[in-house]
PDB file of N, CA and C in Angstrom:
ATOM      1  N   MET A   1     -74.689   3.329  52.934  1.00  0.00           N
ATOM      2  CA  MET A   1     -73.856   4.505  52.918  1.00  0.00           C
ATOM      3  C   MET A   1     -72.708   4.304  51.924  1.00  0.00           C
ATOM      4  N   THR A   2     -72.278   5.416  51.366  1.00  0.00           N
ATOM      5  CA  THR A   2     -71.219   5.416  50.362  1.00  0.00           C
ATOM      6  C   THR A   2     -70.084   6.306  50.854  1.00  0.00           C
ATOM      7  N   TYR A   3     -68.889   6.029  50.393  1.00  0.00           N
ATOM      8  CA  TYR A   3     -67.724   6.831  50.765  1.00  0.00           C
ATOM      9  C   TYR A   3     -67.395   7.798  49.637  1.00  0.00           C
ATOM     10  N   PHE A   4     -67.079   9.037  50.004  1.00  0.00           N
ATOM     11  CA  PHE A   4     -66.731  10.064  49.036  1.00  0.00           C
ATOM     12  C   PHE A   4     -65.436  10.748  49.438  1.00  0.00           C
ATOM     13  N   LYS A   5     -64.679  11.179  48.448  1.00  0.00           N
ATOM     14  CA  LYS A   5     -63.495  11.997  48.680  1.00  0.00           C
ATOM     15  C   LYS A   5     -63.886  13.440  48.341  1.00  0.00           C
ATOM     16  N   VAL A   6     -63.678  14.360  49.294  1.00  0.00           N
ATOM     17  CA  VAL A   6     -64.080  15.749  49.154  1.00  0.00           C
ATOM     18  C   VAL A   6     -62.848  16.635  49.270  1.00  0.00           C
ATOM     19  N   LYS A   7     -62.711  17.605  48.366  1.00  0.00           N
ATOM     20  CA  LYS A   7     -61.572  18.515  48.357  1.00  0.00           C
ATOM     21  C   LYS A   7     -62.027  19.909  48.798  1.00  0.00           C
ATOM     22  N   ILE A   8     -61.261  20.503  49.714  1.00  0.00           N
ATOM     23  CA  ILE A   8     -61.544  21.842  50.230  1.00  0.00           C
ATOM     24  C   ILE A   8     -60.433  22.775  49.762  1.00  0.00           C
ATOM     25  N   ARG A   9     -60.799  23.893  49.155  1.00  0.00           N
ATOM     26  CA  ARG A   9     -59.830  24.931  48.803  1.00  0.00           C
ATOM     27  C   ARG A   9     -59.966  26.069  49.809  1.00  0.00           C
ATOM     28  N   ARG A  10     -58.824  26.556  50.290  1.00  0.00           N
ATOM     29  CA  ARG A  10     -58.844  27.624  51.285  1.00  0.00           C
ATOM     30  C   ARG A  10     -58.288  28.908  50.694  1.00  0.00           C
ATOM     31  N   GLU A  11     -58.608  30.038  51.334  1.00  0.00           N
ATOM     32  CA  GLU A  11     -58.151  31.335  50.840  1.00  0.00           C
ATOM     33  C   GLU A  11     -56.635  31.474  50.872  1.00  0.00           C
ATOM     34  N   CYS A  12     -55.963  30.733  51.713  1.00  0.00           N
ATOM     35  CA  CYS A  12     -54.506  30.791  51.785  1.00  0.00           C
ATOM     36  C   CYS A  12     -53.859  29.887  50.735  1.00  0.00           C
ATOM     37  N   ASN A  13     -54.642  29.490  49.716  1.00  0.00           N
ATOM     38  CA  ASN A  13     -54.183  28.681  48.575  1.00  0.00           C
ATOM     39  C   ASN A  13     -53.683  27.296  48.959  1.00  0.00           C
ATOM     40  N   THR A  14     -54.177  26.764  50.049  1.00  0.00           N
ATOM     41  CA  THR A  14     -53.880  25.377  50.403  1.00  0.00           C
ATOM     42  C   THR A  14     -55.140  24.553  50.165  1.00  0.00           C
ATOM     43  N   THR A  15     -54.950  23.282  49.987  1.00  0.00           N
ATOM     44  CA  THR A  15     -56.090  22.385  49.807  1.00  0.00           C
ATOM     45  C   THR A  15     -56.051  21.303  50.869  1.00  0.00           C
ATOM     46  N   ARG A  16     -57.187  20.730  51.091  1.00  0.00           N
ATOM     47  CA  ARG A  16     -57.311  19.654  52.047  1.00  0.00           C
ATOM     48  C   ARG A  16     -58.321  18.658  51.506  1.00  0.00           C
ATOM     49  N   THR A  17     -58.106  17.390  51.718  1.00  0.00           N
ATOM     50  CA  THR A  17     -59.078  16.400  51.273  1.00  0.00           C
ATOM     51  C   THR A  17     -59.593  15.618  52.478  1.00  0.00           C
ATOM     52  N   PHE A  18     -60.859  15.285  52.413  1.00  0.00           N
ATOM     53  CA  PHE A  18     -61.516  14.498  53.446  1.00  0.00           C
ATOM     54  C   PHE A  18     -62.135  13.283  52.795  1.00  0.00           C
ATOM     55  N   ASN A  19     -62.134  12.174  53.508  1.00  0.00           N
ATOM     56  CA  ASN A  19     -62.915  11.012  53.121  1.00  0.00           C
ATOM     57  C   ASN A  19     -64.110  10.994  54.053  1.00  0.00           C
ATOM     58  N   VAL A  20     -65.305  11.057  53.497  1.00  0.00           N
ATOM     59  CA  VAL A  20     -66.510  11.124  54.314  1.00  0.00           C
ATOM     60  C   VAL A  20     -67.489  10.030  53.898  1.00  0.00           C
ATOM     61  N   THR A  21     -68.395   9.711  54.807  1.00  0.00           N
ATOM     62  CA  THR A  21     -69.443   8.737  54.562  1.00  0.00           C
ATOM     63  C   THR A  21     -70.755   9.482  54.414  1.00  0.00           C
ATOM     64  N   ALA A  22     -71.475   9.202  53.350  1.00  0.00           N
ATOM     65  CA  ALA A  22     -72.764   9.844  53.108  1.00  0.00           C
ATOM     66  C   ALA A  22     -73.564   8.972  52.147  1.00  0.00           C
ATOM     67  N   SER A  23     -74.854   9.268  52.037  1.00  0.00           N
ATOM     68  CA  SER A  23     -75.660   8.483  51.111  1.00  0.00           C
ATOM     69  C   SER A  23     -75.704   9.102  49.717  1.00  0.00           C
ATOM     70  N   LYS A  24     -75.392  10.396  49.603  1.00  0.00           N
ATOM     71  CA  LYS A  24     -75.286  11.036  48.284  1.00  0.00           C
ATOM     72  C   LYS A  24     -74.270  12.171  48.356  1.00  0.00           C
ATOM     73  N   SER A  25     -73.863  12.681  47.210  1.00  0.00           N
ATOM     74  CA  SER A  25     -72.760  13.649  47.164  1.00  0.00           C
ATOM     75  C   SER A  25     -73.097  14.953  47.881  1.00  0.00           C
ATOM     76  N   GLN A  26     -74.343  15.387  47.867  1.00  0.00           N
ATOM     77  CA  GLN A  26     -74.706  16.615  48.572  1.00  0.00           C
ATOM     78  C   GLN A  26     -74.502  16.474  50.070  1.00  0.00           C
ATOM     79  N   GLU A  27     -74.799  15.313  50.608  1.00  0.00           N
ATOM     80  CA  GLU A  27     -74.567  15.074  52.029  1.00  0.00           C
ATOM     81  C   GLU A  27     -73.075  15.022  52.339  1.00  0.00           C
ATOM     82  N   ALA A  28     -72.264  14.570  51.380  1.00  0.00           N
ATOM     83  CA  ALA A  28     -70.811  14.551  51.563  1.00  0.00           C
ATOM     84  C   ALA A  28     -70.279  15.972  51.682  1.00  0.00           C
ATOM     85  N   LEU A  29     -70.813  16.894  50.879  1.00  0.00           N
ATOM     86  CA  LEU A  29     -70.409  18.298  50.983  1.00  0.00           C
ATOM     87  C   LEU A  29     -70.750  18.858  52.358  1.00  0.00           C
ATOM     88  N   LEU A  30     -71.932  18.561  52.832  1.00  0.00           N
ATOM     89  CA  LEU A  30     -72.367  19.033  54.144  1.00  0.00           C
ATOM     90  C   LEU A  30     -71.493  18.450  55.248  1.00  0.00           C
ATOM     91  N   ALA A  31     -71.173  17.173  55.160  1.00  0.00           N
ATOM     92  CA  ALA A  31     -70.330  16.534  56.172  1.00  0.00           C
ATOM     93  C   ALA A  31     -68.948  17.177  56.215  1.00  0.00           C
ATOM     94  N   ALA A  32     -68.375  17.486  55.055  1.00  0.00           N
ATOM     95  CA  ALA A  32     -67.063  18.132  55.013  1.00  0.00           C
ATOM     96  C   ALA A  32     -67.141  19.542  55.588  1.00  0.00           C
ATOM     97  N   ALA A  33     -68.197  20.290  55.273  1.00  0.00           N
ATOM     98  CA  ALA A  33     -68.353  21.641  55.798  1.00  0.00           C
ATOM     99  C   ALA A  33     -68.508  21.625  57.314  1.00  0.00           C
ATOM    100  N   LEU A  34     -69.255  20.673  57.828  1.00  0.00           N
ATOM    101  CA  LEU A  34     -69.413  20.572  59.278  1.00  0.00           C
ATOM    102  C   LEU A  34     -68.105  20.199  59.963  1.00  0.00           C
ATOM    103  N   GLN A  35     -67.319  19.355  59.323  1.00  0.00           N
ATOM    104  CA  GLN A  35     -66.027  18.983  59.892  1.00  0.00           C
ATOM    105  C   GLN A  35     -65.093  20.187  59.921  1.00  0.00           C
ATOM    106  N   LEU A  36     -65.122  21.005  58.871  1.00  0.00           N
ATOM    107  CA  LEU A  36     -64.317  22.233  58.870  1.00  0.00           C
ATOM    108  C   LEU A  36     -64.741  23.162  59.997  1.00  0.00           C
ATOM    109  N   ARG A  37     -66.050  23.320  60.158  1.00  0.00           N
ATOM    110  CA  ARG A  37     -66.555  24.196  61.211  1.00  0.00           C
ATOM    111  C   ARG A  37     -66.117  23.704  62.582  1.00  0.00           C
ATOM    112  N   ASP A  38     -66.174  22.391  62.804  1.00  0.00           N
ATOM    113  CA  ASP A  38     -65.759  21.825  64.085  1.00  0.00           C
ATOM    114  C   ASP A  38     -64.281  22.066  64.362  1.00  0.00           C
ATOM    115  N   GLU A  39     -63.473  22.122  63.293  1.00  0.00           N
ATOM    116  CA  GLU A  39     -62.038  22.359  63.450  1.00  0.00           C
ATOM    117  C   GLU A  39     -61.696  23.848  63.501  1.00  0.00           C
ATOM    118  N   GLY A  40     -62.690  24.716  63.315  1.00  0.00           N
ATOM    119  CA  GLY A  40     -62.456  26.153  63.398  1.00  0.00           C
ATOM    120  C   GLY A  40     -61.935  26.774  62.121  1.00  0.00           C
ATOM    121  N   VAL A  41     -62.027  26.089  61.003  1.00  0.00           N
ATOM    122  CA  VAL A  41     -61.564  26.619  59.720  1.00  0.00           C
ATOM    123  C   VAL A  41     -62.661  27.516  59.153  1.00  0.00           C
ATOM    124  N   ALA A  42     -62.337  28.803  58.945  1.00  0.00           N
ATOM    125  CA  ALA A  42     -63.357  29.749  58.478  1.00  0.00           C
ATOM    126  C   ALA A  42     -62.998  30.377  57.136  1.00  0.00           C
ATOM    127  N   ASP A  43     -61.905  29.942  56.502  1.00  0.00           N
ATOM    128  CA  ASP A  43     -61.480  30.586  55.258  1.00  0.00           C
ATOM    129  C   ASP A  43     -61.619  29.684  54.034  1.00  0.00           C
ATOM    130  N   ALA A  44     -62.539  28.735  54.078  1.00  0.00           N
ATOM    131  CA  ALA A  44     -62.756  27.863  52.916  1.00  0.00           C
ATOM    132  C   ALA A  44     -63.428  28.656  51.810  1.00  0.00           C
ATOM    133  N   LYS A  45     -62.920  28.496  50.585  1.00  0.00           N
ATOM    134  CA  LYS A  45     -63.534  29.217  49.465  1.00  0.00           C
ATOM    135  C   LYS A  45     -64.122  28.282  48.422  1.00  0.00           C
ATOM    136  N   GLY A  46     -63.959  26.990  48.605  1.00  0.00           N
ATOM    137  CA  GLY A  46     -64.538  26.040  47.666  1.00  0.00           C
ATOM    138  C   GLY A  46     -64.524  24.636  48.215  1.00  0.00           C
ATOM    139  N   ILE A  47     -65.618  23.925  47.984  1.00  0.00           N
ATOM    140  CA  ILE A  47     -65.730  22.521  48.386  1.00  0.00           C
ATOM    141  C   ILE A  47     -66.249  21.756  47.181  1.00  0.00           C
ATOM    142  N   GLU A  48     -65.570  20.666  46.832  1.00  0.00           N
ATOM    143  CA  GLU A  48     -66.045  19.855  45.711  1.00  0.00           C
ATOM    144  C   GLU A  48     -65.877  18.379  46.024  1.00  0.00           C
ATOM    145  N   VAL A  49     -66.788  17.595  45.520  1.00  0.00           N
ATOM    146  CA  VAL A  49     -66.698  16.146  45.650  1.00  0.00           C
ATOM    147  C   VAL A  49     -65.834  15.644  44.502  1.00  0.00           C
ATOM    148  N   LEU A  50     -64.722  14.984  44.835  1.00  0.00           N
ATOM    149  CA  LEU A  50     -63.829  14.456  43.810  1.00  0.00           C
ATOM    150  C   LEU A  50     -64.353  13.158  43.232  1.00  0.00           C
ATOM    151  N   GLY A  51     -65.080  12.402  44.037  1.00  0.00           N
ATOM    152  CA  GLY A  51     -65.647  11.168  43.527  1.00  0.00           C
ATOM    153  C   GLY A  51     -65.934  10.175  44.620  1.00  0.00           C
ATOM    154  N   GLN A  52     -66.505   9.083  44.214  1.00  0.00           N
ATOM    155  CA  GLN A  52     -66.840   8.011  45.128  1.00  0.00           C
ATOM    156  C   GLN A  52     -65.624   7.106  45.281  1.00  0.00           C
ATOM    157  N   ILE A  53     -65.375   6.641  46.505  1.00  0.00           N
ATOM    158  CA  ILE A  53     -64.233   5.765  46.770  1.00  0.00           C
ATOM    159  C   ILE A  53     -64.736   4.470  47.393  1.00  0.00           C
ATOM    160  N   ASN A  54     -63.867   3.464  47.455  1.00  0.00           N
ATOM    161  CA  ASN A  54     -64.266   2.146  47.945  1.00  0.00           C
ATOM    162  C   ASN A  54     -64.265   2.032  49.469  1.00  0.00           C
ATOM    163  N   SER A  55     -63.371   2.793  50.126  1.00  0.00           N
ATOM    164  CA  SER A  55     -63.303   2.743  51.586  1.00  0.00           C
ATOM    165  C   SER A  55     -62.771   4.081  52.101  1.00  0.00           C
ATOM    166  N   LEU A  56     -62.871   4.295  53.385  1.00  0.00           N
ATOM    167  CA  LEU A  56     -62.391   5.546  53.956  1.00  0.00           C
ATOM    168  C   LEU A  56     -60.866   5.650  53.902  1.00  0.00           C
ATOM    169  N   ARG A  57     -60.187   4.559  53.659  1.00  0.00           N
ATOM    170  CA  ARG A  57     -58.719   4.576  53.585  1.00  0.00           C
ATOM    171  C   ARG A  57     -58.197   4.940  52.196  1.00  0.00           C
ATOM    172  N   ASP A  58     -59.022   4.952  51.172  1.00  0.00           N
ATOM    173  CA  ASP A  58     -58.574   5.252  49.797  1.00  0.00           C
ATOM    174  C   ASP A  58     -58.166   6.701  49.657  1.00  0.00           C
TER     175      ASP A  58
END
């Protein structure tokens, strides 16, 4: 598994970043979207993978 940093843009012009574990970048996008859904966030307008990181703390 690899660690990825994912950035979420919301309609209220705020951003949020997540550190997620996945085997490829597409799975990182899915993991971030599922985490947003679990938190009840419904106004996301963009999700992008910023890059691969060394650990979840980066």
